[in-house]
Amino acid sequence: MNTISISSEAYNNALLYAKSQNITVDEIVENYLKTLVIIRPTKRELPDSFRRLKGILADVNDPDDERLNYILSK
């Protein structure tokens, strides 16, 4: 167990909320901190729309290829 310091006002507001939700202030803080880890992934991932494009130009070696030029112009 670790201790954190917050203002009395913030604690009192959290305590009122916790009572209304039938949970503890500890649970509020712990659950919130867990959401921060989920929201901020350790590595950036490409959107699905980009991942679907993977490999579509793998066989293109000609810089005059219409597919390559079309995609590069976007």
PDB file of N, CA and C in Angstrom:
ATOM      1  N   MET A   1       0.839  -1.170   0.000  1.00  0.00           N
ATOM      2  CA  MET A   1       0.000   0.000   0.000  1.00  0.00           C
ATOM      3  C   MET A   1       0.890   1.241   0.000  1.00  0.00           C
ATOM      4  N   ASN A   2       0.474   2.240  -0.769  1.00  0.00           N
ATOM      5  CA  ASN A   2       1.169   3.521  -0.835  1.00  0.00           C
ATOM      6  C   ASN A   2       0.204   4.629  -0.454  1.00  0.00           C
ATOM      7  N   THR A   3       0.744   5.775  -0.146  1.00  0.00           N
ATOM      8  CA  THR A   3      -0.072   6.918   0.263  1.00  0.00           C
ATOM      9  C   THR A   3       0.109   8.051  -0.735  1.00  0.00           C
ATOM     10  N   ILE A   4      -0.984   8.730  -1.058  1.00  0.00           N
ATOM     11  CA  ILE A   4      -0.908   9.933  -1.887  1.00  0.00           C
ATOM     12  C   ILE A   4      -1.558  11.071  -1.117  1.00  0.00           C
ATOM     13  N   SER A   5      -1.207  12.284  -1.479  1.00  0.00           N
ATOM     14  CA  SER A   5      -1.790  13.457  -0.822  1.00  0.00           C
ATOM     15  C   SER A   5      -2.654  14.207  -1.814  1.00  0.00           C
ATOM     16  N   ILE A   6      -3.868  14.553  -1.390  1.00  0.00           N
ATOM     17  CA  ILE A   6      -4.760  15.385  -2.194  1.00  0.00           C
ATOM     18  C   ILE A   6      -5.393  16.413  -1.258  1.00  0.00           C
ATOM     19  N   SER A   7      -5.992  17.426  -1.833  1.00  0.00           N
ATOM     20  CA  SER A   7      -6.618  18.461  -1.013  1.00  0.00           C
ATOM     21  C   SER A   7      -7.815  17.885  -0.270  1.00  0.00           C
ATOM     22  N   SER A   8      -8.137  18.521   0.836  1.00  0.00           N
ATOM     23  CA  SER A   8      -9.300  18.098   1.634  1.00  0.00           C
ATOM     24  C   SER A   8     -10.583  18.188   0.810  1.00  0.00           C
ATOM     25  N   GLU A   9     -10.683  19.235   0.022  1.00  0.00           N
ATOM     26  CA  GLU A   9     -11.880  19.409  -0.811  1.00  0.00           C
ATOM     27  C   GLU A   9     -12.034  18.263  -1.806  1.00  0.00           C
ATOM     28  N   ALA A  10     -10.930  17.910  -2.478  1.00  0.00           N
ATOM     29  CA  ALA A  10     -10.980  16.808  -3.440  1.00  0.00           C
ATOM     30  C   ALA A  10     -11.335  15.495  -2.747  1.00  0.00           C
ATOM     31  N   TYR A  11     -10.760  15.282  -1.580  1.00  0.00           N
ATOM     32  CA  TYR A  11     -11.056  14.053  -0.841  1.00  0.00           C
ATOM     33  C   TYR A  11     -12.518  14.004  -0.413  1.00  0.00           C
ATOM     34  N   ASN A  12     -13.014  15.104   0.111  1.00  0.00           N
ATOM     35  CA  ASN A  12     -14.415  15.136   0.553  1.00  0.00           C
ATOM     36  C   ASN A  12     -15.383  14.911  -0.603  1.00  0.00           C
ATOM     37  N   ASN A  13     -15.089  15.512  -1.749  1.00  0.00           N
ATOM     38  CA  ASN A  13     -15.924  15.280  -2.929  1.00  0.00           C
ATOM     39  C   ASN A  13     -15.852  13.824  -3.364  1.00  0.00           C
ATOM     40  N   ALA A  14     -14.662  13.253  -3.336  1.00  0.00           N
ATOM     41  CA  ALA A  14     -14.506  11.847  -3.701  1.00  0.00           C
ATOM     42  C   ALA A  14     -15.240  10.952  -2.714  1.00  0.00           C
ATOM     43  N   LEU A  15     -15.204  11.305  -1.443  1.00  0.00           N
ATOM     44  CA  LEU A  15     -15.885  10.519  -0.417  1.00  0.00           C
ATOM     45  C   LEU A  15     -17.400  10.546  -0.628  1.00  0.00           C
ATOM     46  N   LEU A  16     -17.946  11.714  -0.937  1.00  0.00           N
ATOM     47  CA  LEU A  16     -19.380  11.813  -1.226  1.00  0.00           C
ATOM     48  C   LEU A  16     -19.756  10.958  -2.433  1.00  0.00           C
ATOM     49  N   TYR A  17     -18.928  11.037  -3.480  1.00  0.00           N
ATOM     50  CA  TYR A  17     -19.189  10.235  -4.681  1.00  0.00           C
ATOM     51  C   TYR A  17     -19.095   8.744  -4.357  1.00  0.00           C
ATOM     52  N   ALA A  18     -18.075   8.371  -3.613  1.00  0.00           N
ATOM     53  CA  ALA A  18     -17.877   6.960  -3.262  1.00  0.00           C
ATOM     54  C   ALA A  18     -19.076   6.420  -2.494  1.00  0.00           C
ATOM     55  N   LYS A  19     -19.561   7.196  -1.539  1.00  0.00           N
ATOM     56  CA  LYS A  19     -20.729   6.753  -0.761  1.00  0.00           C
ATOM     57  C   LYS A  19     -21.947   6.586  -1.659  1.00  0.00           C
ATOM     58  N   SER A  20     -22.119   7.495  -2.598  1.00  0.00           N
ATOM     59  CA  SER A  20     -23.281   7.404  -3.492  1.00  0.00           C
ATOM     60  C   SER A  20     -23.193   6.206  -4.434  1.00  0.00           C
ATOM     61  N   GLN A  21     -21.970   5.741  -4.686  1.00  0.00           N
ATOM     62  CA  GLN A  21     -21.763   4.607  -5.582  1.00  0.00           C
ATOM     63  C   GLN A  21     -21.507   3.303  -4.825  1.00  0.00           C
ATOM     64  N   ASN A  22     -21.510   3.382  -3.499  1.00  0.00           N
ATOM     65  CA  ASN A  22     -21.260   2.219  -2.639  1.00  0.00           C
ATOM     66  C   ASN A  22     -19.883   1.601  -2.902  1.00  0.00           C
ATOM     67  N   ILE A  23     -18.892   2.470  -3.041  1.00  0.00           N
ATOM     68  CA  ILE A  23     -17.499   2.039  -3.211  1.00  0.00           C
ATOM     69  C   ILE A  23     -16.620   2.878  -2.284  1.00  0.00           C
ATOM     70  N   THR A  24     -15.334   2.570  -2.249  1.00  0.00           N
ATOM     71  CA  THR A  24     -14.415   3.336  -1.409  1.00  0.00           C
ATOM     72  C   THR A  24     -13.651   4.350  -2.255  1.00  0.00           C
ATOM     73  N   VAL A  25     -13.083   5.336  -1.584  1.00  0.00           N
ATOM     74  CA  VAL A  25     -12.237   6.316  -2.276  1.00  0.00           C
ATOM     75  C   VAL A  25     -11.037   5.599  -2.880  1.00  0.00           C
ATOM     76  N   ASP A  26     -10.504   4.617  -2.169  1.00  0.00           N
ATOM     77  CA  ASP A  26      -9.384   3.833  -2.705  1.00  0.00           C
ATOM     78  C   ASP A  26      -9.745   3.215  -4.052  1.00  0.00           C
ATOM     79  N   GLU A  27     -10.955   2.683  -4.152  1.00  0.00           N
ATOM     80  CA  GLU A  27     -11.385   2.057  -5.409  1.00  0.00           C
ATOM     81  C   GLU A  27     -11.508   3.084  -6.528  1.00  0.00           C
ATOM     82  N   ILE A  28     -12.004   4.268  -6.171  1.00  0.00           N
ATOM     83  CA  ILE A  28     -12.110   5.328  -7.185  1.00  0.00           C
ATOM     84  C   ILE A  28     -10.733   5.647  -7.749  1.00  0.00           C
ATOM     85  N   VAL A  29      -9.782   5.880  -6.856  1.00  0.00           N
ATOM     86  CA  VAL A  29      -8.426   6.258  -7.281  1.00  0.00           C
ATOM     87  C   VAL A  29      -7.783   5.128  -8.073  1.00  0.00           C
ATOM     88  N   GLU A  30      -7.866   3.919  -7.561  1.00  0.00           N
ATOM     89  CA  GLU A  30      -7.229   2.781  -8.232  1.00  0.00           C
ATOM     90  C   GLU A  30      -7.833   2.546  -9.617  1.00  0.00           C
ATOM     91  N   ASN A  31      -9.148   2.597  -9.717  1.00  0.00           N
ATOM     92  CA  ASN A  31      -9.793   2.391 -11.021  1.00  0.00           C
ATOM     93  C   ASN A  31      -9.439   3.503 -12.003  1.00  0.00           C
ATOM     94  N   TYR A  32      -9.371   4.726 -11.517  1.00  0.00           N
ATOM     95  CA  TYR A  32      -8.995   5.836 -12.391  1.00  0.00           C
ATOM     96  C   TYR A  32      -7.568   5.662 -12.901  1.00  0.00           C
ATOM     97  N   LEU A  33      -6.657   5.308 -12.014  1.00  0.00           N
ATOM     98  CA  LEU A  33      -5.268   5.124 -12.429  1.00  0.00           C
ATOM     99  C   LEU A  33      -5.137   3.980 -13.434  1.00  0.00           C
ATOM    100  N   LYS A  34      -5.945   2.959 -13.287  1.00  0.00           N
ATOM    101  CA  LYS A  34      -5.937   1.857 -14.259  1.00  0.00           C
ATOM    102  C   LYS A  34      -6.385   2.341 -15.632  1.00  0.00           C
ATOM    103  N   THR A  35      -7.351   3.258 -15.675  1.00  0.00           N
ATOM    104  CA  THR A  35      -7.809   3.759 -16.971  1.00  0.00           C
ATOM    105  C   THR A  35      -6.726   4.569 -17.670  1.00  0.00           C
ATOM    106  N   LEU A  36      -5.874   5.214 -16.917  1.00  0.00           N
ATOM    107  CA  LEU A  36      -4.783   5.974 -17.536  1.00  0.00           C
ATOM    108  C   LEU A  36      -3.831   5.056 -18.291  1.00  0.00           C
ATOM    109  N   VAL A  37      -3.584   3.890 -17.760  1.00  0.00           N
ATOM    110  CA  VAL A  37      -2.696   2.930 -18.413  1.00  0.00           C
ATOM    111  C   VAL A  37      -3.335   2.417 -19.693  1.00  0.00           C
ATOM    112  N   ILE A  38      -4.644   2.189 -19.668  1.00  0.00           N
ATOM    113  CA  ILE A  38      -5.352   1.699 -20.844  1.00  0.00           C
ATOM    114  C   ILE A  38      -5.401   2.769 -21.930  1.00  0.00           C
ATOM    115  N   ILE A  39      -5.623   4.007 -21.526  1.00  0.00           N
ATOM    116  CA  ILE A  39      -5.752   5.107 -22.486  1.00  0.00           C
ATOM    117  C   ILE A  39      -4.426   5.409 -23.167  1.00  0.00           C
ATOM    118  N   ARG A  40      -3.337   5.256 -22.472  1.00  0.00           N
ATOM    119  CA  ARG A  40      -2.022   5.599 -23.012  1.00  0.00           C
ATOM    120  C   ARG A  40      -1.212   4.327 -23.298  1.00  0.00           C
ATOM    121  N   PRO A  41      -1.395   3.768 -24.490  1.00  0.00           N
ATOM    122  CA  PRO A  41      -0.642   2.554 -24.809  1.00  0.00           C
ATOM    123  C   PRO A  41       0.852   2.836 -24.873  1.00  0.00           C
ATOM    124  N   THR A  42       1.656   1.800 -24.642  1.00  0.00           N
ATOM    125  CA  THR A  42       3.103   1.990 -24.626  1.00  0.00           C
ATOM    126  C   THR A  42       3.664   2.223 -26.018  1.00  0.00           C
ATOM    127  N   LYS A  43       3.000   1.748 -27.033  1.00  0.00           N
ATOM    128  CA  LYS A  43       3.467   2.017 -28.389  1.00  0.00           C
ATOM    129  C   LYS A  43       2.298   2.495 -29.233  1.00  0.00           C
ATOM    130  N   ARG A  44       2.595   3.272 -30.220  1.00  0.00           N
ATOM    131  CA  ARG A  44       1.550   3.774 -31.098  1.00  0.00           C
ATOM    132  C   ARG A  44       1.239   2.722 -32.143  1.00  0.00           C
ATOM    133  N   GLU A  45      -0.022   2.525 -32.388  1.00  0.00           N
ATOM    134  CA  GLU A  45      -0.439   1.545 -33.377  1.00  0.00           C
ATOM    135  C   GLU A  45      -1.131   2.259 -34.533  1.00  0.00           C
ATOM    136  N   LEU A  46      -0.966   1.680 -35.711  1.00  0.00           N
ATOM    137  CA  LEU A  46      -1.617   2.239 -36.880  1.00  0.00           C
ATOM    138  C   LEU A  46      -3.109   1.944 -36.838  1.00  0.00           C
ATOM    139  N   PRO A  47      -3.909   2.848 -37.364  1.00  0.00           N
ATOM    140  CA  PRO A  47      -5.340   2.565 -37.469  1.00  0.00           C
ATOM    141  C   PRO A  47      -5.570   1.365 -38.387  1.00  0.00           C
ATOM    142  N   ASP A  48      -6.702   0.692 -38.211  1.00  0.00           N
ATOM    143  CA  ASP A  48      -7.013  -0.483 -39.029  1.00  0.00           C
ATOM    144  C   ASP A  48      -6.974  -0.178 -40.513  1.00  0.00           C
ATOM    145  N   SER A  49      -7.404   1.027 -40.889  1.00  0.00           N
ATOM    146  CA  SER A  49      -7.422   1.373 -42.310  1.00  0.00           C
ATOM    147  C   SER A  49      -6.017   1.353 -42.905  1.00  0.00           C
ATOM    148  N   PHE A  50      -5.003   1.685 -42.123  1.00  0.00           N
ATOM    149  CA  PHE A  50      -3.625   1.628 -42.604  1.00  0.00           C
ATOM    150  C   PHE A  50      -3.085   0.205 -42.576  1.00  0.00           C
ATOM    151  N   ARG A  51      -3.443  -0.529 -41.534  1.00  0.00           N
ATOM    152  CA  ARG A  51      -2.956  -1.909 -41.441  1.00  0.00           C
ATOM    153  C   ARG A  51      -3.442  -2.751 -42.608  1.00  0.00           C
ATOM    154  N   ARG A  52      -4.640  -2.458 -43.098  1.00  0.00           N
ATOM    155  CA  ARG A  52      -5.172  -3.219 -44.236  1.00  0.00           C
ATOM    156  C   ARG A  52      -4.371  -2.957 -45.508  1.00  0.00           C
ATOM    157  N   LEU A  53      -3.658  -1.842 -45.560  1.00  0.00           N
ATOM    158  CA  LEU A  53      -2.867  -1.508 -46.740  1.00  0.00           C
ATOM    159  C   LEU A  53      -1.513  -2.221 -46.776  1.00  0.00           C
ATOM    160  N   LYS A  54      -1.144  -2.840 -45.665  1.00  0.00           N
ATOM    161  CA  LYS A  54       0.161  -3.476 -45.563  1.00  0.00           C
ATOM    162  C   LYS A  54       0.375  -4.487 -46.685  1.00  0.00           C
ATOM    163  N   GLY A  55       1.458  -4.318 -47.399  1.00  0.00           N
ATOM    164  CA  GLY A  55       1.853  -5.268 -48.425  1.00  0.00           C
ATOM    165  C   GLY A  55       1.260  -5.056 -49.802  1.00  0.00           C
ATOM    166  N   ILE A  56       0.388  -4.067 -49.978  1.00  0.00           N
ATOM    167  CA  ILE A  56      -0.255  -3.938 -51.286  1.00  0.00           C
ATOM    168  C   ILE A  56       0.726  -3.516 -52.377  1.00  0.00           C
ATOM    169  N   LEU A  57       1.852  -2.932 -52.003  1.00  0.00           N
ATOM    170  CA  LEU A  57       2.842  -2.527 -52.998  1.00  0.00           C
ATOM    171  C   LEU A  57       4.114  -3.370 -52.918  1.00  0.00           C
ATOM    172  N   ALA A  58       4.026  -4.518 -52.264  1.00  0.00           N
ATOM    173  CA  ALA A  58       5.215  -5.341 -52.059  1.00  0.00           C
ATOM    174  C   ALA A  58       5.869  -5.773 -53.369  1.00  0.00           C
ATOM    175  N   ASP A  59       5.077  -5.995 -54.397  1.00  0.00           N
ATOM    176  CA  ASP A  59       5.633  -6.478 -55.661  1.00  0.00           C
ATOM    177  C   ASP A  59       5.943  -5.356 -56.654  1.00  0.00           C
ATOM    178  N   VAL A  60       5.819  -4.102 -56.239  1.00  0.00           N
ATOM    179  CA  VAL A  60       6.041  -2.975 -57.142  1.00  0.00           C
ATOM    180  C   VAL A  60       7.507  -2.552 -57.083  1.00  0.00           C
ATOM    181  N   ASN A  61       8.193  -2.689 -58.225  1.00  0.00           N
ATOM    182  CA  ASN A  61       9.583  -2.272 -58.329  1.00  0.00           C
ATOM    183  C   ASN A  61       9.752  -1.143 -59.337  1.00  0.00           C
ATOM    184  N   ASP A  62       8.719  -0.867 -60.071  1.00  0.00           N
ATOM    185  CA  ASP A  62       8.763   0.128 -61.137  1.00  0.00           C
ATOM    186  C   ASP A  62       8.198   1.457 -60.637  1.00  0.00           C
ATOM    187  N   PRO A  63       9.016   2.505 -60.570  1.00  0.00           N
ATOM    188  CA  PRO A  63       8.518   3.801 -60.092  1.00  0.00           C
ATOM    189  C   PRO A  63       7.449   4.399 -61.003  1.00  0.00           C
ATOM    190  N   ASP A  64       7.293   3.861 -62.224  1.00  0.00           N
ATOM    191  CA  ASP A  64       6.252   4.339 -63.133  1.00  0.00           C
ATOM    192  C   ASP A  64       4.954   3.553 -62.979  1.00  0.00           C
ATOM    193  N   ASP A  65       4.908   2.667 -61.992  1.00  0.00           N
ATOM    194  CA  ASP A  65       3.714   1.849 -61.772  1.00  0.00           C
ATOM    195  C   ASP A  65       2.544   2.743 -61.357  1.00  0.00           C
ATOM    196  N   GLU A  66       1.391   2.551 -62.015  1.00  0.00           N
ATOM    197  CA  GLU A  66       0.227   3.400 -61.750  1.00  0.00           C
ATOM    198  C   GLU A  66      -0.273   3.282 -60.307  1.00  0.00           C
ATOM    199  N   ARG A  67      -0.252   2.084 -59.738  1.00  0.00           N
ATOM    200  CA  ARG A  67      -0.711   1.910 -58.354  1.00  0.00           C
ATOM    201  C   ARG A  67       0.159   2.707 -57.394  1.00  0.00           C
ATOM    202  N   LEU A  68       1.467   2.619 -57.583  1.00  0.00           N
ATOM    203  CA  LEU A  68       2.397   3.333 -56.718  1.00  0.00           C
ATOM    204  C   LEU A  68       2.193   4.835 -56.829  1.00  0.00           C
ATOM    205  N   ASN A  69       2.115   5.332 -58.033  1.00  0.00           N
ATOM    206  CA  ASN A  69       1.951   6.774 -58.229  1.00  0.00           C
ATOM    207  C   ASN A  69       0.615   7.268 -57.672  1.00  0.00           C
ATOM    208  N   TYR A  70      -0.432   6.469 -57.827  1.00  0.00           N
ATOM    209  CA  TYR A  70      -1.728   6.847 -57.280  1.00  0.00           C
ATOM    210  C   TYR A  70      -1.667   6.990 -55.758  1.00  0.00           C
ATOM    211  N   ILE A  71      -1.097   6.017 -55.098  1.00  0.00           N
ATOM    212  CA  ILE A  71      -1.035   6.050 -53.640  1.00  0.00           C
ATOM    213  C   ILE A  71      -0.116   7.160 -53.156  1.00  0.00           C
ATOM    214  N   LEU A  72       1.003   7.375 -53.818  1.00  0.00           N
ATOM    215  CA  LEU A  72       1.929   8.425 -53.420  1.00  0.00           C
ATOM    216  C   LEU A  72       1.342   9.819 -53.632  1.00  0.00           C
ATOM    217  N   SER A  73       0.392   9.946 -54.556  1.00  0.00           N
ATOM    218  CA  SER A  73      -0.210  11.250 -54.818  1.00  0.00           C
ATOM    219  C   SER A  73      -1.240  11.619 -53.772  1.00  0.00           C
ATOM    220  N   LYS A  74      -1.650  10.682 -52.927  1.00  0.00           N
ATOM    221  CA  LYS A  74      -2.674  10.950 -51.902  1.00  0.00           C
ATOM    222  C   LYS A  74      -2.102  11.598 -50.684  1.00  0.00           C
TER     223      LYS A  74
END
